Amino acid sequence: MKRQDFRFFHRLRVRWAEVDMQKIVFNAHYLMYFDVAMTEYWRALAMPYEESMHGMGGDLYVKKASVEFHASARMDDLLDVGMRCSRLGNSSITMTGAIFRGESLLISAELIYVFADPATQTSRPIPAALRALMEGYEAGEPVLQVHTGDWGALGRDAQRVRTAVFIEEQGIPKEEEWDAADQTCLHAVAYNRLGQPVATGRLLSAGEGVGKIGRMAVHRALRGTGVGRTIVEALTQLARQRGDHTLRLSAQRTAEGFYRRLGYVCVGGTYEDVGIPHVDMEIRL
């Protein structure tokens, strides 16, 4: 196997607790590495695992795991764990894994999962939506589709994401979350290939040629995967289309780095909004 055989990789560094008395990674930890990579594989498919499986009426159970050792990893090695779906049966999914240090193949593996009823653990056919998602991802297709429009078209799905993030997760009072601006501004919602809304944001007008991005929310399982960037890019495109020359936003301080990487700069100091530290930021288009 070679690196180019894989679309998906997860990078990790060997930790002290994973090395044995021979000063190499203890063999059982490689299965843990593959398990961690599988979790990130689902994230790369923009698929919040638990609720997605619940929605499809099943779950995945390991039927077989085989590992072949080619060379050893050592303390502080940076490893790239590649995973790919190599076969989709009626109810089984075969995943091929490989651990690389640079271009060197250290470990290869085959993991066989069975889609089954969680209550009885009896096998079920792989849902068509999951099959299409995995086949599409391995074929290089995008996993997200962003829709833009008004509250009438997207409000229900935007509300679902914002409720989970702002009200349930961050504890923001309902009366602070919903306002009249939702009815007049433009919205963007990102959907995965299972049809689940996983991120949202809105674009308001803040003056002649000035737009304001607000209510940015990303499903907690998908943060750091680029989903938020797709929402900002979609809203930025809308702002450009209507002739805005500047975009502003009020960022939670924990998200400041995310917006900086997109080119935003801080304008002013920190202040509190709904009990959460914020900072104003803007970008010239």
C-alpha atoms as a PDB file:
ATOM      1  CA  MET A   1       0.000   0.000   0.000  1.00  0.00           C
ATOM      2  CA  LYS A   2       1.059   3.556  -0.737  1.00  0.00           C
ATOM      3  CA  ARG A   3      -0.080   6.917   0.575  1.00  0.00           C
ATOM      4  CA  GLN A   4      -1.818   7.742  -2.692  1.00  0.00           C
ATOM      5  CA  ASP A   5      -4.178   4.817  -2.107  1.00  0.00           C
ATOM      6  CA  PHE A   6      -5.976   6.873   0.551  1.00  0.00           C
ATOM      7  CA  ARG A   7      -8.078  10.017   0.455  1.00  0.00           C
ATOM      8  CA  PHE A   8      -8.376  10.201   4.232  1.00  0.00           C
ATOM      9  CA  PHE A   9      -5.548  10.564   6.755  1.00  0.00           C
ATOM     10  CA  HIS A  10      -5.477  11.352  10.447  1.00  0.00           C
ATOM     11  CA  ARG A  11      -2.193  12.538  11.934  1.00  0.00           C
ATOM     12  CA  LEU A  12      -1.098  11.702  15.460  1.00  0.00           C
ATOM     13  CA  ARG A  13       2.123  11.732  17.484  1.00  0.00           C
ATOM     14  CA  VAL A  14       3.318   8.746  19.491  1.00  0.00           C
ATOM     15  CA  ARG A  15       3.027   9.491  23.211  1.00  0.00           C
ATOM     16  CA  TRP A  16       5.204   8.225  26.062  1.00  0.00           C
ATOM     17  CA  ALA A  17       2.382   6.079  27.487  1.00  0.00           C
ATOM     18  CA  GLU A  18       2.156   4.147  24.197  1.00  0.00           C
ATOM     19  CA  VAL A  19       5.762   2.913  24.157  1.00  0.00           C
ATOM     20  CA  ASP A  20       6.767  -0.394  25.765  1.00  0.00           C
ATOM     21  CA  MET A  21      10.022  -1.578  27.350  1.00  0.00           C
ATOM     22  CA  GLN A  22      11.463  -2.177  23.873  1.00  0.00           C
ATOM     23  CA  LYS A  23      11.014   1.586  23.272  1.00  0.00           C
ATOM     24  CA  ILE A  24       8.603   0.956  20.420  1.00  0.00           C
ATOM     25  CA  VAL A  25       4.838   1.339  20.276  1.00  0.00           C
ATOM     26  CA  PHE A  26       3.164  -1.530  22.122  1.00  0.00           C
ATOM     27  CA  ASN A  27       1.364  -3.615  19.498  1.00  0.00           C
ATOM     28  CA  ALA A  28      -2.140  -3.232  20.962  1.00  0.00           C
ATOM     29  CA  HIS A  29      -1.987   0.553  20.575  1.00  0.00           C
ATOM     30  CA  TYR A  30      -2.040   0.269  16.799  1.00  0.00           C
ATOM     31  CA  LEU A  31      -5.655  -0.936  16.988  1.00  0.00           C
ATOM     32  CA  MET A  32      -6.395   2.131  19.084  1.00  0.00           C
ATOM     33  CA  TYR A  33      -4.772   4.305  16.403  1.00  0.00           C
ATOM     34  CA  PHE A  34      -7.016   2.767  13.754  1.00  0.00           C
ATOM     35  CA  ASP A  35     -10.061   3.214  15.981  1.00  0.00           C
ATOM     36  CA  VAL A  36      -9.238   6.901  16.488  1.00  0.00           C
ATOM     37  CA  ALA A  37      -8.787   7.267  12.726  1.00  0.00           C
ATOM     38  CA  MET A  38     -12.189   5.663  12.102  1.00  0.00           C
ATOM     39  CA  THR A  39     -13.804   8.264  14.349  1.00  0.00           C
ATOM     40  CA  GLU A  40     -12.113  10.986  12.320  1.00  0.00           C
ATOM     41  CA  TYR A  41     -13.097   9.262   9.071  1.00  0.00           C
ATOM     42  CA  TRP A  42     -16.769   9.711   9.939  1.00  0.00           C
ATOM     43  CA  ARG A  43     -16.051  13.326  10.857  1.00  0.00           C
ATOM     44  CA  ALA A  44     -14.401  13.828   7.447  1.00  0.00           C
ATOM     45  CA  LEU A  45     -17.668  12.617   5.904  1.00  0.00           C
ATOM     46  CA  ALA A  46     -19.433  15.450   7.825  1.00  0.00           C
ATOM     47  CA  MET A  47     -21.341  12.743   9.667  1.00  0.00           C
ATOM     48  CA  PRO A  48     -22.086  13.235  13.385  1.00  0.00           C
ATOM     49  CA  TYR A  49     -21.774   9.557  14.180  1.00  0.00           C
ATOM     50  CA  GLU A  50     -24.185   8.928  17.046  1.00  0.00           C
ATOM     51  CA  GLU A  51     -27.198  10.844  15.772  1.00  0.00           C
ATOM     52  CA  SER A  52     -26.574   9.705  12.193  1.00  0.00           C
ATOM     53  CA  MET A  53     -26.622   6.046  13.170  1.00  0.00           C
ATOM     54  CA  HIS A  54     -29.676   6.610  15.340  1.00  0.00           C
ATOM     55  CA  GLY A  55     -31.434   8.229  12.396  1.00  0.00           C
ATOM     56  CA  MET A  56     -30.637   5.229  10.211  1.00  0.00           C
ATOM     57  CA  GLY A  57     -31.914   2.780  12.815  1.00  0.00           C
ATOM     58  CA  GLY A  58     -28.684   0.892  13.416  1.00  0.00           C
ATOM     59  CA  ASP A  59     -25.051   0.977  14.455  1.00  0.00           C
ATOM     60  CA  LEU A  60     -21.736  -0.490  13.368  1.00  0.00           C
ATOM     61  CA  TYR A  61     -20.096  -3.367  15.243  1.00  0.00           C
ATOM     62  CA  VAL A  62     -16.616  -4.753  14.670  1.00  0.00           C
ATOM     63  CA  LYS A  63     -16.759  -8.286  13.309  1.00  0.00           C
ATOM     64  CA  LYS A  64     -13.090  -8.819  12.566  1.00  0.00           C
ATOM     65  CA  ALA A  65      -9.823  -6.901  12.987  1.00  0.00           C
ATOM     66  CA  SER A  66      -6.497  -8.039  11.563  1.00  0.00           C
ATOM     67  CA  VAL A  67      -3.197  -6.186  11.804  1.00  0.00           C
ATOM     68  CA  GLU A  68       0.060  -6.788   9.936  1.00  0.00           C
ATOM     69  CA  PHE A  69       3.301  -5.341  11.306  1.00  0.00           C
ATOM     70  CA  HIS A  70       5.937  -4.146   8.841  1.00  0.00           C
ATOM     71  CA  ALA A  71       8.047  -1.838  11.036  1.00  0.00           C
ATOM     72  CA  SER A  72       7.831  -0.186  14.436  1.00  0.00           C
ATOM     73  CA  ALA A  73       6.824   3.316  15.458  1.00  0.00           C
ATOM     74  CA  ARG A  74       8.758   5.054  18.219  1.00  0.00           C
ATOM     75  CA  MET A  75       8.312   7.809  20.763  1.00  0.00           C
ATOM     76  CA  ASP A  76       7.562  11.214  19.159  1.00  0.00           C
ATOM     77  CA  ASP A  77       7.061   9.794  15.661  1.00  0.00           C
ATOM     78  CA  LEU A  78       4.487  11.665  13.622  1.00  0.00           C
ATOM     79  CA  LEU A  79       2.205   9.051  12.098  1.00  0.00           C
ATOM     80  CA  ASP A  80      -0.381   9.384   9.357  1.00  0.00           C
ATOM     81  CA  VAL A  81      -3.192   6.853   9.661  1.00  0.00           C
ATOM     82  CA  GLY A  82      -4.936   6.269   6.345  1.00  0.00           C
ATOM     83  CA  MET A  83      -8.397   4.707   6.145  1.00  0.00           C
ATOM     84  CA  ARG A  84     -10.468   3.785   3.127  1.00  0.00           C
ATOM     85  CA  CYS A  85     -13.634   1.826   2.504  1.00  0.00           C
ATOM     86  CA  SER A  86     -12.505  -1.060   0.331  1.00  0.00           C
ATOM     87  CA  ARG A  87     -15.760  -3.042   0.203  1.00  0.00           C
ATOM     88  CA  LEU A  88     -19.436  -2.554   0.908  1.00  0.00           C
ATOM     89  CA  GLY A  89     -21.357  -5.800   1.241  1.00  0.00           C
ATOM     90  CA  ASN A  90     -25.028  -6.271   2.039  1.00  0.00           C
ATOM     91  CA  SER A  91     -24.571  -5.529   5.746  1.00  0.00           C
ATOM     92  CA  SER A  92     -20.771  -5.458   6.125  1.00  0.00           C
ATOM     93  CA  ILE A  93     -18.250  -2.679   5.588  1.00  0.00           C
ATOM     94  CA  THR A  94     -14.587  -3.518   5.050  1.00  0.00           C
ATOM     95  CA  MET A  95     -12.153  -0.759   5.948  1.00  0.00           C
ATOM     96  CA  THR A  96      -8.503  -0.924   4.932  1.00  0.00           C
ATOM     97  CA  GLY A  97      -6.075   0.950   7.137  1.00  0.00           C
ATOM     98  CA  ALA A  98      -2.414   1.850   6.912  1.00  0.00           C
ATOM     99  CA  ILE A  99      -0.048   3.697   9.227  1.00  0.00           C
ATOM    100  CA  PHE A 100       2.739   5.669   7.587  1.00  0.00           C
ATOM    101  CA  ARG A 101       5.777   7.472   8.927  1.00  0.00           C
ATOM    102  CA  GLY A 102       6.501   9.754   6.025  1.00  0.00           C
ATOM    103  CA  GLU A 103       6.357   7.470   2.991  1.00  0.00           C
ATOM    104  CA  SER A 104       7.235   4.340   4.981  1.00  0.00           C
ATOM    105  CA  LEU A 105       4.435   1.857   5.616  1.00  0.00           C
ATOM    106  CA  LEU A 106       4.639   0.649   9.219  1.00  0.00           C
ATOM    107  CA  ILE A 107       1.339  -1.112   9.839  1.00  0.00           C
ATOM    108  CA  SER A 108      -1.546  -2.318   7.697  1.00  0.00           C
ATOM    109  CA  ALA A 109      -4.957  -3.484   8.845  1.00  0.00           C
ATOM    110  CA  GLU A 110      -8.333  -4.748   7.752  1.00  0.00           C
ATOM    111  CA  LEU A 111     -11.381  -3.944   9.861  1.00  0.00           C
ATOM    112  CA  ILE A 112     -14.759  -5.481   9.094  1.00  0.00           C
ATOM    113  CA  TYR A 113     -17.857  -3.829  10.533  1.00  0.00           C
ATOM    114  CA  VAL A 114     -21.445  -5.047  10.423  1.00  0.00           C
ATOM    115  CA  PHE A 115     -24.419  -2.707  10.372  1.00  0.00           C
ATOM    116  CA  ALA A 116     -26.886  -4.067  12.913  1.00  0.00           C
ATOM    117  CA  ASP A 117     -29.897  -3.407  15.108  1.00  0.00           C
ATOM    118  CA  PRO A 118     -28.539  -1.899  18.378  1.00  0.00           C
ATOM    119  CA  ALA A 119     -31.111  -3.755  20.505  1.00  0.00           C
ATOM    120  CA  THR A 120     -30.500  -7.253  19.148  1.00  0.00           C
ATOM    121  CA  GLN A 121     -27.172  -6.809  17.309  1.00  0.00           C
ATOM    122  CA  THR A 122     -28.648  -8.716  14.391  1.00  0.00           C
ATOM    123  CA  SER A 123     -27.395  -7.563  11.019  1.00  0.00           C
ATOM    124  CA  ARG A 124     -29.330  -5.230   8.763  1.00  0.00           C
ATOM    125  CA  PRO A 125     -28.691  -4.092   5.192  1.00  0.00           C
ATOM    126  CA  ILE A 126     -26.493  -1.004   4.948  1.00  0.00           C
ATOM    127  CA  PRO A 127     -28.839   1.974   4.418  1.00  0.00           C
ATOM    128  CA  ALA A 128     -28.754   3.326   0.883  1.00  0.00           C
ATOM    129  CA  ALA A 129     -27.863   6.823   2.135  1.00  0.00           C
ATOM    130  CA  LEU A 130     -24.828   5.554   4.057  1.00  0.00           C
ATOM    131  CA  ARG A 131     -23.713   3.447   1.103  1.00  0.00           C
ATOM    132  CA  ALA A 132     -23.973   6.438  -1.246  1.00  0.00           C
ATOM    133  CA  LEU A 133     -22.120   8.668   1.219  1.00  0.00           C
ATOM    134  CA  MET A 134     -19.160   6.305   1.565  1.00  0.00           C
ATOM    135  CA  GLU A 135     -18.985   5.509  -2.141  1.00  0.00           C
ATOM    136  CA  GLY A 136     -19.129   9.195  -3.004  1.00  0.00           C
ATOM    137  CA  TYR A 137     -16.446  10.151  -0.520  1.00  0.00           C
ATOM    138  CA  GLU A 138     -14.069   7.471  -1.772  1.00  0.00           C
ATOM    139  CA  ALA A 139     -14.723   8.659  -5.330  1.00  0.00           C
ATOM    140  CA  GLY A 140     -13.578  12.157  -4.353  1.00  0.00           C
ATOM    141  CA  GLU A 141     -16.997  13.791  -4.242  1.00  0.00           C
ATOM    142  CA  PRO A 142     -17.791  16.641  -1.796  1.00  0.00           C
ATOM    143  CA  VAL A 143     -19.562  15.740   1.420  1.00  0.00           C
ATOM    144  CA  LEU A 144     -21.318  19.090   1.971  1.00  0.00           C
ATOM    145  CA  GLN A 145     -23.857  21.169   0.127  1.00  0.00           C
ATOM    146  CA  VAL A 146     -24.535  24.744   1.223  1.00  0.00           C
ATOM    147  CA  HIS A 147     -27.963  26.269   0.604  1.00  0.00           C
ATOM    148  CA  THR A 148     -28.598  30.005   0.878  1.00  0.00           C
ATOM    149  CA  GLY A 149     -31.934  31.743   1.134  1.00  0.00           C
ATOM    150  CA  ASP A 150     -34.432  33.423   3.417  1.00  0.00           C
ATOM    151  CA  TRP A 151     -35.844  32.314   6.758  1.00  0.00           C
ATOM    152  CA  GLY A 152     -38.912  30.825   5.116  1.00  0.00           C
ATOM    153  CA  ALA A 153     -36.766  28.414   3.141  1.00  0.00           C
ATOM    154  CA  LEU A 154     -34.049  27.633   5.685  1.00  0.00           C
ATOM    155  CA  GLY A 155     -35.376  28.728   9.064  1.00  0.00           C
ATOM    156  CA  ARG A 156     -36.357  25.320  10.386  1.00  0.00           C
ATOM    157  CA  ASP A 157     -32.939  23.787   9.734  1.00  0.00           C
ATOM    158  CA  ALA A 158     -31.018  26.887  10.844  1.00  0.00           C
ATOM    159  CA  GLN A 159     -33.065  26.899  14.041  1.00  0.00           C
ATOM    160  CA  ARG A 160     -32.231  23.262  14.674  1.00  0.00           C
ATOM    161  CA  VAL A 161     -28.479  23.905  14.511  1.00  0.00           C
ATOM    162  CA  ARG A 162     -28.601  27.143  16.495  1.00  0.00           C
ATOM    163  CA  THR A 163     -30.768  25.611  19.206  1.00  0.00           C
ATOM    164  CA  ALA A 164     -28.285  22.772  19.701  1.00  0.00           C
ATOM    165  CA  VAL A 165     -25.249  25.078  19.786  1.00  0.00           C
ATOM    166  CA  PHE A 166     -26.378  28.295  21.443  1.00  0.00           C
ATOM    167  CA  ILE A 167     -29.273  27.272  23.675  1.00  0.00           C
ATOM    168  CA  GLU A 168     -28.512  23.681  24.659  1.00  0.00           C
ATOM    169  CA  GLU A 169     -24.708  23.729  24.577  1.00  0.00           C
ATOM    170  CA  GLN A 170     -23.841  27.305  25.555  1.00  0.00           C
ATOM    171  CA  GLY A 171     -26.859  28.009  27.722  1.00  0.00           C
ATOM    172  CA  ILE A 172     -27.922  31.219  25.970  1.00  0.00           C
ATOM    173  CA  PRO A 173     -31.522  32.136  26.884  1.00  0.00           C
ATOM    174  CA  LYS A 174     -34.036  31.548  24.095  1.00  0.00           C
ATOM    175  CA  GLU A 175     -35.193  35.162  24.185  1.00  0.00           C
ATOM    176  CA  GLU A 176     -31.609  36.281  23.479  1.00  0.00           C
ATOM    177  CA  GLU A 177     -31.163  33.958  20.513  1.00  0.00           C
ATOM    178  CA  TRP A 178     -34.199  34.729  18.352  1.00  0.00           C
ATOM    179  CA  ASP A 179     -34.800  38.205  16.944  1.00  0.00           C
ATOM    180  CA  ALA A 180     -36.661  39.957  14.158  1.00  0.00           C
ATOM    181  CA  ALA A 181     -33.523  40.113  11.978  1.00  0.00           C
ATOM    182  CA  ASP A 182     -33.938  36.439  11.088  1.00  0.00           C
ATOM    183  CA  GLN A 183     -36.957  37.328   8.979  1.00  0.00           C
ATOM    184  CA  THR A 184     -35.143  39.933   6.860  1.00  0.00           C
ATOM    185  CA  CYS A 185     -31.560  38.706   6.469  1.00  0.00           C
ATOM    186  CA  LEU A 186     -30.032  36.002   4.283  1.00  0.00           C
ATOM    187  CA  HIS A 187     -29.156  32.599   5.731  1.00  0.00           C
ATOM    188  CA  ALA A 188     -26.765  29.803   4.823  1.00  0.00           C
ATOM    189  CA  VAL A 189     -27.147  26.188   5.953  1.00  0.00           C
ATOM    190  CA  ALA A 190     -24.676  23.372   5.271  1.00  0.00           C
ATOM    191  CA  TYR A 191     -26.093  19.875   4.788  1.00  0.00           C
ATOM    192  CA  ASN A 192     -24.213  16.605   4.749  1.00  0.00           C
ATOM    193  CA  ARG A 193     -25.051  13.900   2.234  1.00  0.00           C
ATOM    194  CA  LEU A 194     -27.465  12.306   4.700  1.00  0.00           C
ATOM    195  CA  GLY A 195     -29.517  15.497   4.524  1.00  0.00           C
ATOM    196  CA  GLN A 196     -28.654  16.614   8.058  1.00  0.00           C
ATOM    197  CA  PRO A 197     -28.151  20.356   8.671  1.00  0.00           C
ATOM    198  CA  VAL A 198     -24.736  20.662  10.339  1.00  0.00           C
ATOM    199  CA  ALA A 199     -23.869  24.388  10.251  1.00  0.00           C
ATOM    200  CA  THR A 200     -25.489  27.752   9.691  1.00  0.00           C
ATOM    201  CA  GLY A 201     -24.916  31.505   9.641  1.00  0.00           C
ATOM    202  CA  ARG A 202     -26.693  34.659   8.543  1.00  0.00           C
ATOM    203  CA  LEU A 203     -25.881  37.874   6.683  1.00  0.00           C
ATOM    204  CA  LEU A 204     -27.345  41.216   7.705  1.00  0.00           C
ATOM    205  CA  SER A 205     -26.883  44.713   6.355  1.00  0.00           C
ATOM    206  CA  ALA A 206     -24.962  47.033   8.695  1.00  0.00           C
ATOM    207  CA  GLY A 207     -24.946  50.122   6.503  1.00  0.00           C
ATOM    208  CA  GLU A 208     -24.178  51.140   2.930  1.00  0.00           C
ATOM    209  CA  GLY A 209     -21.735  48.593   1.535  1.00  0.00           C
ATOM    210  CA  VAL A 210     -21.253  46.911   4.916  1.00  0.00           C
ATOM    211  CA  GLY A 211     -22.474  43.435   5.770  1.00  0.00           C
ATOM    212  CA  LYS A 212     -22.506  41.650   9.093  1.00  0.00           C
ATOM    213  CA  ILE A 213     -22.157  37.917   9.603  1.00  0.00           C
ATOM    214  CA  GLY A 214     -23.890  36.542  12.668  1.00  0.00           C
ATOM    215  CA  ARG A 215     -25.307  33.473  14.377  1.00  0.00           C
ATOM    216  CA  MET A 216     -22.470  31.257  13.118  1.00  0.00           C
ATOM    217  CA  ALA A 217     -23.066  27.768  14.505  1.00  0.00           C
ATOM    218  CA  VAL A 218     -21.427  24.437  13.685  1.00  0.00           C
ATOM    219  CA  HIS A 219     -22.410  21.009  15.000  1.00  0.00           C
ATOM    220  CA  ARG A 220     -20.079  20.246  17.903  1.00  0.00           C
ATOM    221  CA  ALA A 221     -18.862  16.986  16.336  1.00  0.00           C
ATOM    222  CA  LEU A 222     -17.737  18.744  13.152  1.00  0.00           C
ATOM    223  CA  ARG A 223     -15.815  21.753  14.455  1.00  0.00           C
ATOM    224  CA  GLY A 224     -12.327  22.029  13.063  1.00  0.00           C
ATOM    225  CA  THR A 225     -13.208  20.142   9.885  1.00  0.00           C
ATOM    226  CA  GLY A 226     -13.742  23.122   7.559  1.00  0.00           C
ATOM    227  CA  VAL A 227     -17.538  23.142   7.789  1.00  0.00           C
ATOM    228  CA  GLY A 228     -17.567  26.607   9.348  1.00  0.00           C
ATOM    229  CA  ARG A 229     -15.351  27.924   6.574  1.00  0.00           C
ATOM    230  CA  THR A 230     -17.875  26.799   3.952  1.00  0.00           C
ATOM    231  CA  ILE A 231     -20.594  28.840   5.676  1.00  0.00           C
ATOM    232  CA  VAL A 232     -18.410  31.960   5.866  1.00  0.00           C
ATOM    233  CA  GLU A 233     -17.433  31.554   2.203  1.00  0.00           C
ATOM    234  CA  ALA A 234     -21.090  31.229   1.162  1.00  0.00           C
ATOM    235  CA  LEU A 235     -22.092  34.341   3.126  1.00  0.00           C
ATOM    236  CA  THR A 236     -19.093  36.236   1.771  1.00  0.00           C
ATOM    237  CA  GLN A 237     -20.160  35.401  -1.773  1.00  0.00           C
ATOM    238  CA  LEU A 238     -23.647  36.732  -1.030  1.00  0.00           C
ATOM    239  CA  ALA A 239     -22.126  39.937   0.350  1.00  0.00           C
ATOM    240  CA  ARG A 240     -20.007  40.418  -2.762  1.00  0.00           C
ATOM    241  CA  GLN A 241     -22.983  39.825  -5.030  1.00  0.00           C
ATOM    242  CA  ARG A 242     -24.925  42.672  -3.421  1.00  0.00           C
ATOM    243  CA  GLY A 243     -21.914  44.995  -3.562  1.00  0.00           C
ATOM    244  CA  ASP A 244     -20.661  45.012   0.024  1.00  0.00           C
ATOM    245  CA  HIS A 245     -17.074  46.208   0.455  1.00  0.00           C
ATOM    246  CA  THR A 246     -16.709  45.287   4.146  1.00  0.00           C
ATOM    247  CA  LEU A 247     -17.846  42.419   6.345  1.00  0.00           C
ATOM    248  CA  ARG A 248     -18.072  42.663  10.114  1.00  0.00           C
ATOM    249  CA  LEU A 249     -18.880  40.196  12.835  1.00  0.00           C
ATOM    250  CA  SER A 250     -18.946  39.787  16.573  1.00  0.00           C
ATOM    251  CA  ALA A 251     -16.812  36.745  17.354  1.00  0.00           C
ATOM    252  CA  GLN A 252     -16.744  34.750  20.539  1.00  0.00           C
ATOM    253  CA  ARG A 253     -13.170  34.960  21.774  1.00  0.00           C
ATOM    254  CA  THR A 254     -12.783  31.198  21.444  1.00  0.00           C
ATOM    255  CA  ALA A 255     -13.480  31.592  17.697  1.00  0.00           C
ATOM    256  CA  GLU A 256     -11.141  34.554  17.148  1.00  0.00           C
ATOM    257  CA  GLY A 257      -8.363  32.367  15.737  1.00  0.00           C
ATOM    258  CA  PHE A 258     -10.776  30.792  13.249  1.00  0.00           C
ATOM    259  CA  TYR A 259     -11.726  34.190  11.825  1.00  0.00           C
ATOM    260  CA  ARG A 260      -8.130  35.435  11.840  1.00  0.00           C
ATOM    261  CA  ARG A 261      -7.188  32.527   9.600  1.00  0.00           C
ATOM    262  CA  LEU A 262      -9.897  33.704   7.193  1.00  0.00           C
ATOM    263  CA  GLY A 263      -8.382  37.191   7.065  1.00  0.00           C
ATOM    264  CA  TYR A 264     -10.456  39.033   9.673  1.00  0.00           C
ATOM    265  CA  VAL A 265      -8.822  41.528  12.037  1.00  0.00           C
ATOM    266  CA  CYS A 266      -9.930  42.712  15.468  1.00  0.00           C
ATOM    267  CA  VAL A 267     -11.388  46.197  15.795  1.00  0.00           C
ATOM    268  CA  GLY A 268     -11.681  47.137  19.439  1.00  0.00           C
ATOM    269  CA  GLY A 269     -11.374  45.309  22.712  1.00  0.00           C
ATOM    270  CA  THR A 270     -13.142  42.439  24.403  1.00  0.00           C
ATOM    271  CA  TYR A 271     -16.690  42.826  25.693  1.00  0.00           C
ATOM    272  CA  GLU A 272     -19.373  40.502  27.007  1.00  0.00           C
ATOM    273  CA  ASP A 273     -22.515  39.542  25.134  1.00  0.00           C
ATOM    274  CA  VAL A 274     -25.004  37.097  26.680  1.00  0.00           C
ATOM    275  CA  GLY A 275     -22.332  36.416  29.290  1.00  0.00           C
ATOM    276  CA  ILE A 276     -19.703  35.306  26.750  1.00  0.00           C
ATOM    277  CA  PRO A 277     -16.524  37.284  25.873  1.00  0.00           C
ATOM    278  CA  HIS A 278     -16.685  38.660  22.312  1.00  0.00           C
ATOM    279  CA  VAL A 279     -14.544  40.793  20.035  1.00  0.00           C
ATOM    280  CA  ASP A 280     -15.544  42.770  16.931  1.00  0.00           C
ATOM    281  CA  MET A 281     -13.747  41.797  13.740  1.00  0.00           C
ATOM    282  CA  GLU A 282     -13.907  42.846  10.087  1.00  0.00           C
ATOM    283  CA  ILE A 283     -12.474  42.190   6.648  1.00  0.00           C
ATOM    284  CA  ARG A 284     -12.320  44.270   3.469  1.00  0.00           C
ATOM    285  CA  LEU A 285     -13.691  42.478   0.421  1.00  0.00           C
END
